[in-house]
Amino acid sequence: MTAGQNEIWHNPRCSKSRAATARLDATGLDYTVRRYLDDPPSEAELRAVLDRLGAQPWDITRTGERVAVDLGMKDWGREPADRDRWIEALAANPVLIQRPIVLRADGSAIVARTDEALASLG
């Protein structure tokens, strides 16, 4: 992501993701779309986004996805020492990443799944 640019990590098959892009369009905000399933983030990008979100990787993991179940992620530790394992799994399996994530030009980021989060987009 280029500094000073808004970006949404988008899955067009997801209703929450489509609602977020509709909200962004309605605000007239300029943004780019990253189809993160086709263009998965690297571990470094995930770390940067987690920092911007003020979150841990387990906070943005879709633990109900088949791959998460197969990996047994619900039983993984959630301590600082476990962070790398989670990030590696998210980078290797982007379907596990909660969506949509909006990266704002001001350096902040949100997971835009709730009405409140969508309202904060403008």
Protein backbone atom coordinates (compact mmCIF):
# COMPACT_ATOMS: atom_id res chain seq x y z
CA MET A 1 0.00 0.00 0.00
CA THR A 2 1.25 3.44 -0.88
CA ALA A 3 1.46 5.93 1.98
CA GLY A 4 -1.36 8.45 1.96
CA GLN A 5 -3.73 6.13 0.11
CA ASN A 6 -6.91 4.39 1.29
CA GLU A 7 -7.17 0.69 0.56
CA ILE A 8 -9.71 -2.04 1.24
CA TRP A 9 -8.83 -5.70 1.52
CA HIS A 10 -11.86 -6.99 -0.33
CA ASN A 11 -13.55 -10.26 -1.14
CA PRO A 12 -16.34 -9.54 -3.66
CA ARG A 13 -18.17 -12.73 -2.62
CA CYS A 14 -18.58 -11.41 0.95
CA SER A 15 -21.67 -9.31 1.75
CA LYS A 16 -19.83 -7.39 4.51
CA SER A 17 -17.04 -6.56 2.09
CA ARG A 18 -19.51 -5.42 -0.58
CA ALA A 19 -21.28 -3.25 2.02
CA ALA A 20 -17.98 -1.60 2.92
CA THR A 21 -17.12 -0.78 -0.70
CA ALA A 22 -20.65 0.62 -1.16
CA ARG A 23 -20.13 2.81 1.91
CA LEU A 24 -16.76 3.99 0.63
CA ASP A 25 -18.32 4.76 -2.76
CA ALA A 26 -21.15 6.71 -1.09
CA THR A 27 -18.66 8.86 0.81
CA GLY A 28 -16.76 9.71 -2.36
CA LEU A 29 -13.55 8.59 -0.70
CA ASP A 30 -10.79 7.64 -3.12
CA TYR A 31 -9.50 4.12 -2.46
CA THR A 32 -7.89 1.12 -4.06
CA VAL A 33 -9.16 -2.43 -3.87
CA ARG A 34 -6.92 -5.31 -2.95
CA ARG A 35 -8.47 -8.69 -3.59
CA TYR A 36 -6.45 -10.24 -0.83
CA LEU A 37 -7.41 -13.81 -1.78
CA ASP A 38 -5.78 -13.26 -5.19
CA ASP A 39 -2.99 -11.02 -3.85
CA PRO A 40 -2.30 -12.33 -0.34
CA PRO A 41 -0.48 -10.13 2.14
CA SER A 42 2.97 -11.12 3.26
CA GLU A 43 3.81 -11.79 6.88
CA ALA A 44 5.42 -8.33 7.06
CA GLU A 45 2.27 -6.70 5.65
CA LEU A 46 0.12 -8.58 8.15
CA ARG A 47 2.32 -7.40 11.02
CA ALA A 48 2.02 -3.80 9.81
CA VAL A 49 -1.76 -4.05 9.44
CA LEU A 50 -2.11 -5.65 12.88
CA ASP A 51 -0.11 -2.74 14.33
CA ARG A 52 -2.42 -0.27 12.58
CA LEU A 53 -5.47 -2.14 13.87
CA GLY A 54 -4.04 -2.41 17.38
CA ALA A 55 -4.93 -6.10 17.15
CA GLN A 56 -3.45 -9.56 17.44
CA PRO A 57 -3.62 -12.09 14.59
CA TRP A 58 -6.22 -14.20 16.40
CA ASP A 59 -8.45 -11.10 16.51
CA ILE A 60 -8.72 -11.08 12.70
CA THR A 61 -8.80 -14.84 12.12
CA ARG A 62 -11.88 -16.59 10.79
CA THR A 63 -11.57 -19.67 13.02
CA GLY A 64 -14.72 -21.24 11.56
CA GLU A 65 -13.16 -21.66 8.12
CA ARG A 66 -12.45 -25.26 7.13
CA VAL A 67 -8.68 -24.70 6.99
CA ALA A 68 -8.73 -23.21 10.52
CA VAL A 69 -10.62 -26.23 11.78
CA ASP A 70 -8.21 -28.57 9.99
CA LEU A 71 -5.27 -26.73 11.57
CA GLY A 72 -6.89 -26.85 15.02
CA MET A 73 -6.53 -23.08 15.40
CA LYS A 74 -9.21 -22.77 18.09
CA ASP A 75 -6.79 -24.60 20.38
CA TRP A 76 -3.71 -22.53 19.50
CA GLY A 77 -2.24 -20.33 22.18
CA ARG A 78 -3.01 -16.63 22.26
CA GLU A 79 0.08 -15.26 23.91
CA PRO A 80 2.81 -13.05 22.42
CA ALA A 81 4.95 -16.14 21.85
CA ASP A 82 2.19 -17.60 19.64
CA ARG A 83 1.87 -14.53 17.39
CA ASP A 84 4.26 -15.68 14.65
CA ARG A 85 2.48 -19.01 14.25
CA TRP A 86 -0.84 -17.21 13.68
CA ILE A 87 0.67 -14.72 11.23
CA GLU A 88 2.32 -17.52 9.25
CA ALA A 89 -1.05 -19.29 9.00
CA LEU A 90 -2.83 -16.12 7.84
CA ALA A 91 -0.19 -15.42 5.20
CA ALA A 92 -0.33 -19.01 3.93
CA ASN A 93 -4.15 -19.13 4.02
CA PRO A 94 -5.59 -15.66 3.31
CA VAL A 95 -9.14 -17.03 3.46
CA LEU A 96 -8.60 -16.96 7.24
CA ILE A 97 -8.31 -13.15 7.30
CA GLN A 98 -11.39 -11.35 8.57
CA ARG A 99 -12.86 -9.04 5.97
CA PRO A 100 -13.09 -6.35 4.97
CA ILE A 101 -10.11 -4.48 6.34
CA VAL A 102 -9.94 -0.80 5.45
CA LEU A 103 -6.51 0.80 5.61
CA ARG A 104 -6.89 4.54 5.85
CA ALA A 105 -4.60 7.15 4.38
CA ASP A 106 -4.13 8.60 7.87
CA GLY A 107 -2.41 5.38 9.01
CA SER A 108 -5.34 3.91 10.91
CA ALA A 109 -7.20 0.74 9.96
CA ILE A 110 -10.49 -0.94 10.81
CA VAL A 111 -12.21 -4.25 10.26
CA ALA A 112 -15.39 -2.89 8.69
CA ARG A 113 -17.86 -5.66 9.58
CA THR A 114 -20.27 -3.84 11.89
CA ASP A 115 -22.66 -0.97 11.24
CA GLU A 116 -20.61 1.14 13.66
CA ALA A 117 -17.40 0.40 11.79
CA LEU A 118 -19.05 1.18 8.46
CA ALA A 119 -20.36 4.49 9.86
CA SER A 120 -16.82 5.46 10.80
CA LEU A 121 -15.84 5.33 7.13
CA GLY A 122 -17.69 8.58 6.54
